[in-house]
Amino acid sequence: MDSDRGVSRGEQIQAAERAAARQRLLAQAEAERIPVEETTRAVPDRRWRRGR
């Protein structure tokens, strides 16, 4: 069995699930990433003047 290797089947499955979840998160973050050109563009925002 796997006991002689020191890593149980459950631990192998958990490691694989963590790796898959990490890849999904990285793919989602890349898909939602905003290019720098869009984040540095000035956008008029007058909402802060309403209270004055």
PDB file of N, CA and C in Angstrom:
ATOM      1  N   MET A   1       0.838  -1.202   0.000  1.00  0.00           N
ATOM      2  CA  MET A   1       0.000   0.000   0.000  1.00  0.00           C
ATOM      3  C   MET A   1       0.870   1.248   0.000  1.00  0.00           C
ATOM      4  N   ASP A   2       0.229   2.393   0.246  1.00  0.00           N
ATOM      5  CA  ASP A   2       0.933   3.668   0.227  1.00  0.00           C
ATOM      6  C   ASP A   2       1.619   3.989   1.541  1.00  0.00           C
ATOM      7  N   SER A   3       1.354   3.186   2.602  1.00  0.00           N
ATOM      8  CA  SER A   3       1.881   3.521   3.913  1.00  0.00           C
ATOM      9  C   SER A   3       3.412   3.501   3.956  1.00  0.00           C
ATOM     10  N   ASP A   4       4.041   2.720   3.098  1.00  0.00           N
ATOM     11  CA  ASP A   4       5.500   2.677   3.126  1.00  0.00           C
ATOM     12  C   ASP A   4       6.120   3.944   2.531  1.00  0.00           C
ATOM     13  N   ARG A   5       5.358   4.688   1.761  1.00  0.00           N
ATOM     14  CA  ARG A   5       5.878   5.942   1.193  1.00  0.00           C
ATOM     15  C   ARG A   5       5.659   7.138   2.119  1.00  0.00           C
ATOM     16  N   GLY A   6       4.814   6.993   3.123  1.00  0.00           N
ATOM     17  CA  GLY A   6       4.603   8.059   4.081  1.00  0.00           C
ATOM     18  C   GLY A   6       3.545   9.071   3.671  1.00  0.00           C
ATOM     19  N   VAL A   7       2.943   8.894   2.506  1.00  0.00           N
ATOM     20  CA  VAL A   7       1.901   9.816   2.044  1.00  0.00           C
ATOM     21  C   VAL A   7       0.662   8.998   1.734  1.00  0.00           C
ATOM     22  N   SER A   8      -0.420   9.295   2.426  1.00  0.00           N
ATOM     23  CA  SER A   8      -1.647   8.529   2.214  1.00  0.00           C
ATOM     24  C   SER A   8      -2.331   8.973   0.928  1.00  0.00           C
ATOM     25  N   ARG A   9      -3.223   8.141   0.459  1.00  0.00           N
ATOM     26  CA  ARG A   9      -3.986   8.455  -0.766  1.00  0.00           C
ATOM     27  C   ARG A   9      -4.821   9.721  -0.549  1.00  0.00           C
ATOM     28  N   GLY A  10      -5.382   9.869   0.653  1.00  0.00           N
ATOM     29  CA  GLY A  10      -6.176  11.061   0.950  1.00  0.00           C
ATOM     30  C   GLY A  10      -5.351  12.333   0.861  1.00  0.00           C
ATOM     31  N   GLU A  11      -4.114  12.271   1.357  1.00  0.00           N
ATOM     32  CA  GLU A  11      -3.239  13.448   1.275  1.00  0.00           C
ATOM     33  C   GLU A  11      -2.881  13.767  -0.169  1.00  0.00           C
ATOM     34  N   GLN A  12      -2.702  12.725  -0.981  1.00  0.00           N
ATOM     35  CA  GLN A  12      -2.408  12.951  -2.404  1.00  0.00           C
ATOM     36  C   GLN A  12      -3.586  13.622  -3.093  1.00  0.00           C
ATOM     37  N   ILE A  13      -4.801  13.164  -2.767  1.00  0.00           N
ATOM     38  CA  ILE A  13      -6.010  13.753  -3.362  1.00  0.00           C
ATOM     39  C   ILE A  13      -6.155  15.205  -2.924  1.00  0.00           C
ATOM     40  N   GLN A  14      -5.927  15.475  -1.624  1.00  0.00           N
ATOM     41  CA  GLN A  14      -6.030  16.844  -1.134  1.00  0.00           C
ATOM     42  C   GLN A  14      -5.014  17.760  -1.811  1.00  0.00           C
ATOM     43  N   ALA A  15      -3.793  17.265  -1.999  1.00  0.00           N
ATOM     44  CA  ALA A  15      -2.768  18.063  -2.658  1.00  0.00           C
ATOM     45  C   ALA A  15      -3.170  18.363  -4.096  1.00  0.00           C
ATOM     46  N   ALA A  16      -3.731  17.379  -4.770  1.00  0.00           N
ATOM     47  CA  ALA A  16      -4.174  17.580  -6.152  1.00  0.00           C
ATOM     48  C   ALA A  16      -5.323  18.587  -6.207  1.00  0.00           C
ATOM     49  N   GLU A  17      -6.246  18.504  -5.247  1.00  0.00           N
ATOM     50  CA  GLU A  17      -7.365  19.456  -5.211  1.00  0.00           C
ATOM     51  C   GLU A  17      -6.877  20.871  -4.932  1.00  0.00           C
ATOM     52  N   ARG A  18      -5.893  21.007  -4.025  1.00  0.00           N
ATOM     53  CA  ARG A  18      -5.328  22.340  -3.742  1.00  0.00           C
ATOM     54  C   ARG A  18      -4.652  22.905  -4.981  1.00  0.00           C
ATOM     55  N   ALA A  19      -3.925  22.071  -5.697  1.00  0.00           N
ATOM     56  CA  ALA A  19      -3.240  22.533  -6.913  1.00  0.00           C
ATOM     57  C   ALA A  19      -4.263  22.963  -7.966  1.00  0.00           C
ATOM     58  N   ALA A  20      -5.347  22.190  -8.111  1.00  0.00           N
ATOM     59  CA  ALA A  20      -6.379  22.534  -9.089  1.00  0.00           C
ATOM     60  C   ALA A  20      -7.082  23.831  -8.693  1.00  0.00           C
ATOM     61  N   ALA A  21      -7.362  24.000  -7.405  1.00  0.00           N
ATOM     62  CA  ALA A  21      -8.015  25.223  -6.936  1.00  0.00           C
ATOM     63  C   ALA A  21      -7.107  26.432  -7.164  1.00  0.00           C
ATOM     64  N   ARG A  22      -5.813  26.241  -6.928  1.00  0.00           N
ATOM     65  CA  ARG A  22      -4.857  27.336  -7.143  1.00  0.00           C
ATOM     66  C   ARG A  22      -4.834  27.737  -8.615  1.00  0.00           C
ATOM     67  N   GLN A  23      -4.851  26.758  -9.506  1.00  0.00           N
ATOM     68  CA  GLN A  23      -4.853  27.059 -10.938  1.00  0.00           C
ATOM     69  C   GLN A  23      -6.130  27.785 -11.347  1.00  0.00           C
ATOM     70  N   ARG A  24      -7.274  27.373 -10.768  1.00  0.00           N
ATOM     71  CA  ARG A  24      -8.534  28.061 -11.081  1.00  0.00           C
ATOM     72  C   ARG A  24      -8.488  29.516 -10.618  1.00  0.00           C
ATOM     73  N   LEU A  25      -7.962  29.744  -9.409  1.00  0.00           N
ATOM     74  CA  LEU A  25      -7.864  31.108  -8.890  1.00  0.00           C
ATOM     75  C   LEU A  25      -6.941  31.967  -9.750  1.00  0.00           C
ATOM     76  N   LEU A  26      -5.810  31.398 -10.159  1.00  0.00           N
ATOM     77  CA  LEU A  26      -4.887  32.150 -10.998  1.00  0.00           C
ATOM     78  C   LEU A  26      -5.515  32.473 -12.349  1.00  0.00           C
ATOM     79  N   ALA A  27      -6.246  31.528 -12.921  1.00  0.00           N
ATOM     80  CA  ALA A  27      -6.910  31.759 -14.201  1.00  0.00           C
ATOM     81  C   ALA A  27      -7.988  32.832 -14.064  1.00  0.00           C
ATOM     82  N   GLN A  28      -8.742  32.795 -12.967  1.00  0.00           N
ATOM     83  CA  GLN A  28      -9.785  33.794 -12.739  1.00  0.00           C
ATOM     84  C   GLN A  28      -9.170  35.175 -12.543  1.00  0.00           C
ATOM     85  N   ALA A  29      -8.098  35.243 -11.770  1.00  0.00           N
ATOM     86  CA  ALA A  29      -7.440  36.526 -11.528  1.00  0.00           C
ATOM     87  C   ALA A  29      -6.895  37.108 -12.833  1.00  0.00           C
ATOM     88  N   GLU A  30      -6.342  36.268 -13.671  1.00  0.00           N
ATOM     89  CA  GLU A  30      -5.817  36.731 -14.955  1.00  0.00           C
ATOM     90  C   GLU A  30      -6.953  37.225 -15.849  1.00  0.00           C
ATOM     91  N   ALA A  31      -8.091  36.529 -15.809  1.00  0.00           N
ATOM     92  CA  ALA A  31      -9.238  36.927 -16.633  1.00  0.00           C
ATOM     93  C   ALA A  31      -9.813  38.264 -16.172  1.00  0.00           C
ATOM     94  N   GLU A  32      -9.737  38.548 -14.860  1.00  0.00           N
ATOM     95  CA  GLU A  32     -10.315  39.779 -14.319  1.00  0.00           C
ATOM     96  C   GLU A  32      -9.304  40.922 -14.221  1.00  0.00           C
ATOM     97  N   ARG A  33      -8.063  40.647 -14.617  1.00  0.00           N
ATOM     98  CA  ARG A  33      -6.998  41.652 -14.499  1.00  0.00           C
ATOM     99  C   ARG A  33      -7.300  42.847 -15.392  1.00  0.00           C
ATOM    100  N   ILE A  34      -7.064  44.044 -14.853  1.00  0.00           N
ATOM    101  CA  ILE A  34      -7.275  45.279 -15.610  1.00  0.00           C
ATOM    102  C   ILE A  34      -5.917  45.767 -16.108  1.00  0.00           C
ATOM    103  N   PRO A  35      -5.794  46.021 -17.404  1.00  0.00           N
ATOM    104  CA  PRO A  35      -4.513  46.516 -17.928  1.00  0.00           C
ATOM    105  C   PRO A  35      -4.115  47.841 -17.274  1.00  0.00           C
ATOM    106  N   VAL A  36      -2.825  48.054 -17.116  1.00  0.00           N
ATOM    107  CA  VAL A  36      -2.318  49.262 -16.460  1.00  0.00           C
ATOM    108  C   VAL A  36      -2.802  50.511 -17.185  1.00  0.00           C
ATOM    109  N   GLU A  37      -2.892  50.450 -18.493  1.00  0.00           N
ATOM    110  CA  GLU A  37      -3.324  51.627 -19.253  1.00  0.00           C
ATOM    111  C   GLU A  37      -4.704  52.111 -18.801  1.00  0.00           C
ATOM    112  N   GLU A  38      -5.568  51.167 -18.417  1.00  0.00           N
ATOM    113  CA  GLU A  38      -6.917  51.538 -17.990  1.00  0.00           C
ATOM    114  C   GLU A  38      -6.952  52.038 -16.558  1.00  0.00           C
ATOM    115  N   THR A  39      -6.032  51.601 -15.721  1.00  0.00           N
ATOM    116  CA  THR A  39      -6.063  52.018 -14.319  1.00  0.00           C
ATOM    117  C   THR A  39      -5.443  53.388 -14.128  1.00  0.00           C
ATOM    118  N   THR A  40      -4.606  53.838 -15.059  1.00  0.00           N
ATOM    119  CA  THR A  40      -3.939  55.128 -14.883  1.00  0.00           C
ATOM    120  C   THR A  40      -4.646  56.252 -15.620  1.00  0.00           C
ATOM    121  N   ARG A  41      -5.678  55.921 -16.381  1.00  0.00           N
ATOM    122  CA  ARG A  41      -6.400  56.952 -17.124  1.00  0.00           C
ATOM    123  C   ARG A  41      -7.265  57.760 -16.163  1.00  0.00           C
ATOM    124  N   ALA A  42      -7.206  59.071 -16.284  1.00  0.00           N
ATOM    125  CA  ALA A  42      -7.990  59.947 -15.414  1.00  0.00           C
ATOM    126  C   ALA A  42      -9.460  59.883 -15.823  1.00  0.00           C
ATOM    127  N   VAL A  43     -10.314  59.665 -14.836  1.00  0.00           N
ATOM    128  CA  VAL A  43     -11.747  59.613 -15.078  1.00  0.00           C
ATOM    129  C   VAL A  43     -12.398  60.664 -14.192  1.00  0.00           C
ATOM    130  N   PRO A  44     -13.132  61.599 -14.788  1.00  0.00           N
ATOM    131  CA  PRO A  44     -13.769  62.627 -13.955  1.00  0.00           C
ATOM    132  C   PRO A  44     -14.772  61.996 -12.990  1.00  0.00           C
ATOM    133  N   ASP A  45     -14.657  62.361 -11.737  1.00  0.00           N
ATOM    134  CA  ASP A  45     -15.549  61.826 -10.719  1.00  0.00           C
ATOM    135  C   ASP A  45     -15.967  62.985  -9.832  1.00  0.00           C
ATOM    136  N   ARG A  46     -17.170  63.440 -10.011  1.00  0.00           N
ATOM    137  CA  ARG A  46     -17.634  64.621  -9.271  1.00  0.00           C
ATOM    138  C   ARG A  46     -18.507  64.235  -8.081  1.00  0.00           C
ATOM    139  N   ARG A  47     -18.598  62.962  -7.785  1.00  0.00           N
ATOM    140  CA  ARG A  47     -19.469  62.533  -6.668  1.00  0.00           C
ATOM    141  C   ARG A  47     -19.035  63.158  -5.355  1.00  0.00           C
ATOM    142  N   TRP A  48     -17.729  63.365  -5.160  1.00  0.00           N
ATOM    143  CA  TRP A  48     -17.243  63.890  -3.890  1.00  0.00           C
ATOM    144  C   TRP A  48     -17.649  65.345  -3.678  1.00  0.00           C
ATOM    145  N   ARG A  49     -18.075  66.032  -4.729  1.00  0.00           N
ATOM    146  CA  ARG A  49     -18.469  67.443  -4.586  1.00  0.00           C
ATOM    147  C   ARG A  49     -19.897  67.611  -4.103  1.00  0.00           C
ATOM    148  N   ARG A  50     -20.706  66.560  -4.111  1.00  0.00           N
ATOM    149  CA  ARG A  50     -22.118  66.679  -3.758  1.00  0.00           C
ATOM    150  C   ARG A  50     -22.334  67.233  -2.353  1.00  0.00           C
ATOM    151  N   GLY A  51     -21.467  66.882  -1.441  1.00  0.00           N
ATOM    152  CA  GLY A  51     -21.635  67.299  -0.061  1.00  0.00           C
ATOM    153  C   GLY A  51     -21.246  68.741   0.182  1.00  0.00           C
ATOM    154  N   ARG A  52     -20.728  69.421  -0.810  1.00  0.00           N
ATOM    155  CA  ARG A  52     -20.243  70.799  -0.590  1.00  0.00           C
ATOM    156  C   ARG A  52     -21.252  71.832  -1.030  1.00  0.00           C
TER     157      ARG A  52
END
